[in-house]
Amino acid sequence: MNEFLEKLKDAFGDRLICVGLHNIGVTSFLEKNGLVIVLDKTDPDDLLKVKRIYMKYKKKYSTPIVVGEKFFEDAADVFCMEVLELKENGEIIYGKNIFENLEVKPENLRKQIEYELRSKLLVLKGAFIDLPLDRKVIDNIAYRSMYNFLLILRNLLRLKGKLVNDASLIEVFEETFGVKLDAFKTLRDSGKLPLDKLLPIFKDYLREVETLVEISDKILS
């Protein structure tokens, strides 16, 4: 990280406001840590600079989020879950913490949860219909979507007055709402599964996401 950070500082100088790590909370088992790079402002030339530096570190970090200094302040009403995740589970490794004073209104969080849950379910169903029944494809669909659904679980619990930042998230959700999310737990705990075992788990996963929609209807109404 030190080498990566020094290259960013050399490339952007005083324009580099902060660099942070994300995906170090309840979703960290799903993929590599992510990077947040905040500049005074951004344009395509800045993205090219970041790209050239990042390519050497691609195996270690997921694709960086590159934004201007005011981006998250202006977007806190629509990217509520992301702002909260960066604020509570992020780590600033350089510069000032632009997230610590950001506030999210509960009514905006409710709107985002409902939108994200329903839209991601539609995307998940569409991908299942459209893409080939291949183990790698199904595995990829499940794990990519699970990041979003775990953030939704975390924030539905927040609306019930519970804040969970560790691997017990799914179990706490089950206990709080009286549901079973066995497919979620299997995907969390299992390694690579053959298609004949993965496919029935994925179908159960879809059913459990439908259950989340029903739960959210009761909480958010």
C-alpha atoms as a PDB file:
ATOM      1  CA  MET A   1       0.000   0.000   0.000  1.00  0.00           C
ATOM      2  CA  ASN A   2       2.844   2.419   0.769  1.00  0.00           C
ATOM      3  CA  GLU A   3       4.181   2.152  -2.777  1.00  0.00           C
ATOM      4  CA  PHE A   4       0.694   2.578  -4.266  1.00  0.00           C
ATOM      5  CA  LEU A   5       0.013   5.589  -2.062  1.00  0.00           C
ATOM      6  CA  GLU A   6       3.315   7.256  -2.924  1.00  0.00           C
ATOM      7  CA  LYS A   7       2.552   6.904  -6.627  1.00  0.00           C
ATOM      8  CA  LEU A   8      -0.829   8.557  -6.104  1.00  0.00           C
ATOM      9  CA  LYS A   9       0.801  11.400  -4.183  1.00  0.00           C
ATOM     10  CA  ASP A  10       3.384  11.859  -6.932  1.00  0.00           C
ATOM     11  CA  ALA A  11       0.678  11.868  -9.610  1.00  0.00           C
ATOM     12  CA  PHE A  12      -1.765  14.249  -7.915  1.00  0.00           C
ATOM     13  CA  GLY A  13       0.168  16.211  -5.281  1.00  0.00           C
ATOM     14  CA  ASP A  14      -2.028  18.543  -3.248  1.00  0.00           C
ATOM     15  CA  ARG A  15      -5.064  17.500  -5.315  1.00  0.00           C
ATOM     16  CA  LEU A  16      -5.155  14.157  -3.465  1.00  0.00           C
ATOM     17  CA  ILE A  17      -7.603  14.773  -0.609  1.00  0.00           C
ATOM     18  CA  CYS A  18      -7.752  11.282   0.882  1.00  0.00           C
ATOM     19  CA  VAL A  19      -7.297   7.583   0.203  1.00  0.00           C
ATOM     20  CA  GLY A  20      -9.297   4.960   2.041  1.00  0.00           C
ATOM     21  CA  LEU A  21     -10.057   1.250   2.177  1.00  0.00           C
ATOM     22  CA  HIS A  22     -13.577  -0.145   2.017  1.00  0.00           C
ATOM     23  CA  ASN A  23     -15.123  -3.619   1.990  1.00  0.00           C
ATOM     24  CA  ILE A  24     -13.469  -4.381   5.326  1.00  0.00           C
ATOM     25  CA  GLY A  25     -16.717  -4.933   7.246  1.00  0.00           C
ATOM     26  CA  VAL A  26     -19.456  -7.563   6.937  1.00  0.00           C
ATOM     27  CA  THR A  27     -18.871  -8.022   3.181  1.00  0.00           C
ATOM     28  CA  SER A  28     -15.102  -8.535   3.350  1.00  0.00           C
ATOM     29  CA  PHE A  29     -15.320 -12.309   2.781  1.00  0.00           C
ATOM     30  CA  LEU A  30     -16.833 -11.745  -0.678  1.00  0.00           C
ATOM     31  CA  GLU A  31     -14.028  -9.945  -2.475  1.00  0.00           C
ATOM     32  CA  LYS A  32     -10.794  -8.002  -2.153  1.00  0.00           C
ATOM     33  CA  ASN A  33     -10.574  -4.758  -0.227  1.00  0.00           C
ATOM     34  CA  GLY A  34     -11.601  -1.768  -2.291  1.00  0.00           C
ATOM     35  CA  LEU A  35      -9.974   1.633  -2.592  1.00  0.00           C
ATOM     36  CA  VAL A  36     -11.595   5.057  -2.370  1.00  0.00           C
ATOM     37  CA  ILE A  37      -9.546   7.822  -3.954  1.00  0.00           C
ATOM     38  CA  VAL A  38     -10.820  11.355  -3.372  1.00  0.00           C
ATOM     39  CA  LEU A  39      -9.433  14.234  -5.441  1.00  0.00           C
ATOM     40  CA  ASP A  40     -10.332  17.910  -5.419  1.00  0.00           C
ATOM     41  CA  LYS A  41     -12.248  17.175  -8.631  1.00  0.00           C
ATOM     42  CA  THR A  42     -12.077  14.513 -11.333  1.00  0.00           C
ATOM     43  CA  ASP A  43     -11.968  14.332 -15.098  1.00  0.00           C
ATOM     44  CA  PRO A  44     -11.123  11.520 -17.578  1.00  0.00           C
ATOM     45  CA  ASP A  45      -7.405  12.358 -17.517  1.00  0.00           C
ATOM     46  CA  ASP A  46      -7.401  11.752 -13.754  1.00  0.00           C
ATOM     47  CA  LEU A  47      -9.041   8.373 -14.267  1.00  0.00           C
ATOM     48  CA  LEU A  48      -6.328   7.431 -16.755  1.00  0.00           C
ATOM     49  CA  LYS A  49      -3.642   8.360 -14.209  1.00  0.00           C
ATOM     50  CA  VAL A  50      -5.307   6.199 -11.564  1.00  0.00           C
ATOM     51  CA  LYS A  51      -5.724   3.363 -14.065  1.00  0.00           C
ATOM     52  CA  ARG A  52      -2.014   3.323 -14.925  1.00  0.00           C
ATOM     53  CA  ILE A  53      -1.070   3.175 -11.241  1.00  0.00           C
ATOM     54  CA  TYR A  54      -3.778   0.687 -10.265  1.00  0.00           C
ATOM     55  CA  MET A  55      -3.050  -1.970 -12.906  1.00  0.00           C
ATOM     56  CA  LYS A  56       0.011  -3.184 -10.991  1.00  0.00           C
ATOM     57  CA  TYR A  57      -2.135  -3.730  -7.861  1.00  0.00           C
ATOM     58  CA  LYS A  58      -5.231  -5.194  -9.515  1.00  0.00           C
ATOM     59  CA  LYS A  59      -4.805  -8.613  -7.900  1.00  0.00           C
ATOM     60  CA  LYS A  60      -4.727  -7.056  -4.436  1.00  0.00           C
ATOM     61  CA  TYR A  61      -7.538  -4.481  -4.617  1.00  0.00           C
ATOM     62  CA  SER A  62     -10.881  -4.287  -6.374  1.00  0.00           C
ATOM     63  CA  THR A  63     -11.556  -1.432  -8.822  1.00  0.00           C
ATOM     64  CA  PRO A  64     -11.059   1.932  -7.072  1.00  0.00           C
ATOM     65  CA  ILE A  65     -13.855   4.399  -6.469  1.00  0.00           C
ATOM     66  CA  VAL A  66     -12.523   7.736  -7.743  1.00  0.00           C
ATOM     67  CA  VAL A  67     -14.557  10.833  -6.864  1.00  0.00           C
ATOM     68  CA  GLY A  68     -14.299  14.552  -6.270  1.00  0.00           C
ATOM     69  CA  GLU A  69     -14.221  16.005  -2.771  1.00  0.00           C
ATOM     70  CA  LYS A  70     -17.920  16.949  -2.656  1.00  0.00           C
ATOM     71  CA  PHE A  71     -19.300  13.811  -4.305  1.00  0.00           C
ATOM     72  CA  PHE A  72     -20.402  11.877  -1.220  1.00  0.00           C
ATOM     73  CA  GLU A  73     -21.556  14.996   0.604  1.00  0.00           C
ATOM     74  CA  ASP A  74     -23.890  15.757  -2.308  1.00  0.00           C
ATOM     75  CA  ALA A  75     -24.903  12.094  -2.704  1.00  0.00           C
ATOM     76  CA  ALA A  76     -25.609  11.206   0.935  1.00  0.00           C
ATOM     77  CA  ASP A  77     -29.355  11.319   0.239  1.00  0.00           C
ATOM     78  CA  VAL A  78     -29.177   8.676  -2.532  1.00  0.00           C
ATOM     79  CA  PHE A  79     -26.097   6.580  -1.654  1.00  0.00           C
ATOM     80  CA  CYS A  80     -27.096   6.180   1.993  1.00  0.00           C
ATOM     81  CA  MET A  81     -25.878   2.621   2.506  1.00  0.00           C
ATOM     82  CA  GLU A  82     -22.575   3.288   0.751  1.00  0.00           C
ATOM     83  CA  VAL A  83     -21.940   6.438   2.794  1.00  0.00           C
ATOM     84  CA  LEU A  84     -22.723   4.613   6.036  1.00  0.00           C
ATOM     85  CA  GLU A  85     -20.473   1.715   5.072  1.00  0.00           C
ATOM     86  CA  LEU A  86     -17.562   4.033   4.285  1.00  0.00           C
ATOM     87  CA  LYS A  87     -18.177   6.021   7.459  1.00  0.00           C
ATOM     88  CA  GLU A  88     -18.496   3.045   9.815  1.00  0.00           C
ATOM     89  CA  ASN A  89     -16.428   0.305   8.163  1.00  0.00           C
ATOM     90  CA  GLY A  90     -13.937   2.223   6.058  1.00  0.00           C
ATOM     91  CA  GLU A  91     -10.367   3.062   6.947  1.00  0.00           C
ATOM     92  CA  ILE A  92      -8.671   6.310   5.931  1.00  0.00           C
ATOM     93  CA  ILE A  93      -5.012   5.623   5.178  1.00  0.00           C
ATOM     94  CA  TYR A  94      -4.102   9.076   3.886  1.00  0.00           C
ATOM     95  CA  GLY A  95      -5.481  12.593   4.151  1.00  0.00           C
ATOM     96  CA  LYS A  96      -8.592  13.891   5.857  1.00  0.00           C
ATOM     97  CA  ASN A  97     -11.625  11.808   6.717  1.00  0.00           C
ATOM     98  CA  ILE A  98     -14.355  13.269   4.530  1.00  0.00           C
ATOM     99  CA  PHE A  99     -16.899  10.706   5.757  1.00  0.00           C
ATOM    100  CA  GLU A 100     -16.873  11.234   9.524  1.00  0.00           C
ATOM    101  CA  ASN A 101     -19.300  14.171   9.530  1.00  0.00           C
ATOM    102  CA  LEU A 102     -21.661  12.946   6.817  1.00  0.00           C
ATOM    103  CA  GLU A 103     -25.224  12.323   7.987  1.00  0.00           C
ATOM    104  CA  VAL A 104     -27.870  10.062   6.463  1.00  0.00           C
ATOM    105  CA  LYS A 105     -31.556  10.701   7.048  1.00  0.00           C
ATOM    106  CA  PRO A 106     -33.602   7.574   7.942  1.00  0.00           C
ATOM    107  CA  GLU A 107     -36.272   8.380   5.348  1.00  0.00           C
ATOM    108  CA  ASN A 108     -33.641   8.486   2.593  1.00  0.00           C
ATOM    109  CA  LEU A 109     -32.168   5.205   3.811  1.00  0.00           C
ATOM    110  CA  ARG A 110     -35.605   3.596   3.662  1.00  0.00           C
ATOM    111  CA  LYS A 111     -36.120   4.754   0.081  1.00  0.00           C
ATOM    112  CA  GLN A 112     -32.745   3.440  -1.019  1.00  0.00           C
ATOM    113  CA  ILE A 113     -33.253   0.058   0.652  1.00  0.00           C
ATOM    114  CA  GLU A 114     -36.590  -0.452  -1.098  1.00  0.00           C
ATOM    115  CA  TYR A 115     -35.219   0.615  -4.482  1.00  0.00           C
ATOM    116  CA  GLU A 116     -32.001  -1.417  -4.225  1.00  0.00           C
ATOM    117  CA  LEU A 117     -33.754  -4.546  -2.978  1.00  0.00           C
ATOM    118  CA  ARG A 118     -36.357  -4.617  -5.726  1.00  0.00           C
ATOM    119  CA  SER A 119     -34.038  -3.535  -8.541  1.00  0.00           C
ATOM    120  CA  LYS A 120     -31.297  -5.997  -7.581  1.00  0.00           C
ATOM    121  CA  LEU A 121     -33.857  -8.813  -7.403  1.00  0.00           C
ATOM    122  CA  LEU A 122     -34.992  -7.997 -10.947  1.00  0.00           C
ATOM    123  CA  VAL A 123     -31.375  -7.944 -12.150  1.00  0.00           C
ATOM    124  CA  LEU A 124     -30.718 -11.264 -10.418  1.00  0.00           C
ATOM    125  CA  LYS A 125     -33.735 -12.895 -12.060  1.00  0.00           C
ATOM    126  CA  GLY A 126     -32.824 -11.466 -15.457  1.00  0.00           C
ATOM    127  CA  ALA A 127     -29.264 -12.748 -15.204  1.00  0.00           C
ATOM    128  CA  PHE A 128     -30.530 -16.207 -14.228  1.00  0.00           C
ATOM    129  CA  ILE A 129     -32.745 -16.309 -17.324  1.00  0.00           C
ATOM    130  CA  ASP A 130     -30.265 -14.756 -19.743  1.00  0.00           C
ATOM    131  CA  LEU A 131     -26.900 -16.282 -18.822  1.00  0.00           C
ATOM    132  CA  PRO A 132     -25.769 -19.896 -19.390  1.00  0.00           C
ATOM    133  CA  LEU A 133     -26.196 -22.499 -16.637  1.00  0.00           C
ATOM    134  CA  ASP A 134     -22.494 -22.715 -15.980  1.00  0.00           C
ATOM    135  CA  ARG A 135     -20.931 -23.129 -12.534  1.00  0.00           C
ATOM    136  CA  LYS A 136     -18.637 -20.109 -12.852  1.00  0.00           C
ATOM    137  CA  VAL A 137     -21.462 -17.927 -14.170  1.00  0.00           C
ATOM    138  CA  ILE A 138     -23.935 -18.856 -11.411  1.00  0.00           C
ATOM    139  CA  ASP A 139     -21.220 -18.529  -8.770  1.00  0.00           C
ATOM    140  CA  ASN A 140     -20.329 -15.072 -10.068  1.00  0.00           C
ATOM    141  CA  ILE A 141     -23.971 -13.913 -10.121  1.00  0.00           C
ATOM    142  CA  ALA A 142     -24.516 -15.092  -6.553  1.00  0.00           C
ATOM    143  CA  TYR A 143     -21.419 -13.524  -5.026  1.00  0.00           C
ATOM    144  CA  ARG A 144     -21.674 -10.224  -6.908  1.00  0.00           C
ATOM    145  CA  SER A 145     -25.282  -9.779  -5.799  1.00  0.00           C
ATOM    146  CA  MET A 146     -24.636 -10.911  -2.227  1.00  0.00           C
ATOM    147  CA  TYR A 147     -22.552  -7.802  -1.496  1.00  0.00           C
ATOM    148  CA  ASN A 148     -25.608  -5.606  -2.045  1.00  0.00           C
ATOM    149  CA  PHE A 149     -27.988  -7.881  -0.166  1.00  0.00           C
ATOM    150  CA  LEU A 150     -25.702  -8.046   2.884  1.00  0.00           C
ATOM    151  CA  LEU A 151     -25.635  -4.243   3.009  1.00  0.00           C
ATOM    152  CA  ILE A 152     -29.434  -4.325   2.832  1.00  0.00           C
ATOM    153  CA  LEU A 153     -29.603  -6.854   5.709  1.00  0.00           C
ATOM    154  CA  ARG A 154     -27.314  -4.645   7.761  1.00  0.00           C
ATOM    155  CA  ASN A 155     -29.419  -1.564   7.186  1.00  0.00           C
ATOM    156  CA  LEU A 156     -32.766  -3.260   7.724  1.00  0.00           C
ATOM    157  CA  LEU A 157     -31.353  -4.243  11.118  1.00  0.00           C
ATOM    158  CA  ARG A 158     -30.242  -0.629  11.625  1.00  0.00           C
ATOM    159  CA  LEU A 159     -33.865   0.461  11.179  1.00  0.00           C
ATOM    160  CA  LYS A 160     -34.727  -1.947  14.015  1.00  0.00           C
ATOM    161  CA  GLY A 161     -32.087  -0.350  16.241  1.00  0.00           C
ATOM    162  CA  LYS A 162     -29.377  -2.990  15.751  1.00  0.00           C
ATOM    163  CA  LEU A 163     -25.951  -2.320  14.236  1.00  0.00           C
ATOM    164  CA  VAL A 164     -23.967  -5.416  13.238  1.00  0.00           C
ATOM    165  CA  ASN A 165     -20.406  -5.136  11.922  1.00  0.00           C
ATOM    166  CA  ASP A 166     -19.211  -8.732  11.995  1.00  0.00           C
ATOM    167  CA  ALA A 167     -19.765 -12.182  10.504  1.00  0.00           C
ATOM    168  CA  SER A 168     -22.848 -12.788  12.682  1.00  0.00           C
ATOM    169  CA  LEU A 169     -24.932 -10.493  10.450  1.00  0.00           C
ATOM    170  CA  ILE A 170     -27.025 -13.217   8.808  1.00  0.00           C
ATOM    171  CA  GLU A 171     -27.682 -15.036  12.084  1.00  0.00           C
ATOM    172  CA  VAL A 172     -28.703 -11.817  13.856  1.00  0.00           C
ATOM    173  CA  PHE A 173     -31.036 -11.009  10.964  1.00  0.00           C
ATOM    174  CA  GLU A 174     -32.619 -14.479  11.144  1.00  0.00           C
ATOM    175  CA  GLU A 175     -33.209 -14.149  14.874  1.00  0.00           C
ATOM    176  CA  THR A 176     -34.546 -10.591  14.631  1.00  0.00           C
ATOM    177  CA  PHE A 177     -37.006 -11.230  11.819  1.00  0.00           C
ATOM    178  CA  GLY A 178     -37.837 -14.896  12.409  1.00  0.00           C
ATOM    179  CA  VAL A 179     -36.680 -16.110   8.991  1.00  0.00           C
ATOM    180  CA  LYS A 180     -34.201 -18.672   7.706  1.00  0.00           C
ATOM    181  CA  LEU A 181     -31.498 -17.634   5.242  1.00  0.00           C
ATOM    182  CA  ASP A 182     -29.824 -21.006   4.783  1.00  0.00           C
ATOM    183  CA  ALA A 183     -28.785 -20.337   1.173  1.00  0.00           C
ATOM    184  CA  PHE A 184     -27.143 -17.061   2.215  1.00  0.00           C
ATOM    185  CA  LYS A 185     -25.167 -18.934   4.882  1.00  0.00           C
ATOM    186  CA  THR A 186     -24.201 -21.752   2.525  1.00  0.00           C
ATOM    187  CA  LEU A 187     -22.875 -19.274  -0.035  1.00  0.00           C
ATOM    188  CA  ARG A 188     -21.021 -17.462   2.739  1.00  0.00           C
ATOM    189  CA  ASP A 189     -19.451 -20.579   4.241  1.00  0.00           C
ATOM    190  CA  SER A 190     -18.813 -22.828   1.241  1.00  0.00           C
ATOM    191  CA  GLY A 191     -16.017 -22.827  -1.260  1.00  0.00           C
ATOM    192  CA  LYS A 192     -16.473 -23.511  -4.947  1.00  0.00           C
ATOM    193  CA  LEU A 193     -19.380 -25.897  -5.453  1.00  0.00           C
ATOM    194  CA  PRO A 194     -20.134 -28.075  -8.503  1.00  0.00           C
ATOM    195  CA  LEU A 195     -23.107 -26.964 -10.576  1.00  0.00           C
ATOM    196  CA  ASP A 196     -25.368 -29.825  -9.430  1.00  0.00           C
ATOM    197  CA  LYS A 197     -25.013 -28.589  -5.823  1.00  0.00           C
ATOM    198  CA  LEU A 198     -24.795 -24.864  -6.571  1.00  0.00           C
ATOM    199  CA  LEU A 199     -27.940 -24.638  -8.712  1.00  0.00           C
ATOM    200  CA  PRO A 200     -30.451 -25.727  -6.019  1.00  0.00           C
ATOM    201  CA  ILE A 201     -28.715 -23.416  -3.517  1.00  0.00           C
ATOM    202  CA  PHE A 202     -29.005 -20.535  -5.967  1.00  0.00           C
ATOM    203  CA  LYS A 203     -32.727 -21.222  -6.441  1.00  0.00           C
ATOM    204  CA  ASP A 204     -33.173 -21.125  -2.676  1.00  0.00           C
ATOM    205  CA  TYR A 205     -31.141 -17.910  -2.616  1.00  0.00           C
ATOM    206  CA  LEU A 206     -33.637 -16.327  -5.038  1.00  0.00           C
ATOM    207  CA  ARG A 207     -36.520 -17.441  -2.802  1.00  0.00           C
ATOM    208  CA  GLU A 208     -34.806 -15.926   0.234  1.00  0.00           C
ATOM    209  CA  VAL A 209     -34.324 -12.610  -1.542  1.00  0.00           C
ATOM    210  CA  GLU A 210     -38.056 -12.626  -2.270  1.00  0.00           C
ATOM    211  CA  THR A 211     -38.545 -13.070   1.486  1.00  0.00           C
ATOM    212  CA  LEU A 212     -36.390  -9.989   2.089  1.00  0.00           C
ATOM    213  CA  VAL A 213     -38.724  -7.997  -0.148  1.00  0.00           C
ATOM    214  CA  GLU A 214     -41.691  -9.105   1.970  1.00  0.00           C
ATOM    215  CA  ILE A 215     -39.874  -8.158   5.172  1.00  0.00           C
ATOM    216  CA  SER A 216     -38.883  -4.773   3.805  1.00  0.00           C
ATOM    217  CA  ASP A 217     -42.489  -4.070   2.818  1.00  0.00           C
ATOM    218  CA  LYS A 218     -43.496  -4.454   6.464  1.00  0.00           C
ATOM    219  CA  ILE A 219     -40.619  -2.389   7.845  1.00  0.00           C
ATOM    220  CA  LEU A 220     -40.610   0.375   5.257  1.00  0.00           C
ATOM    221  CA  SER A 221     -44.359   0.887   4.932  1.00  0.00           C
END
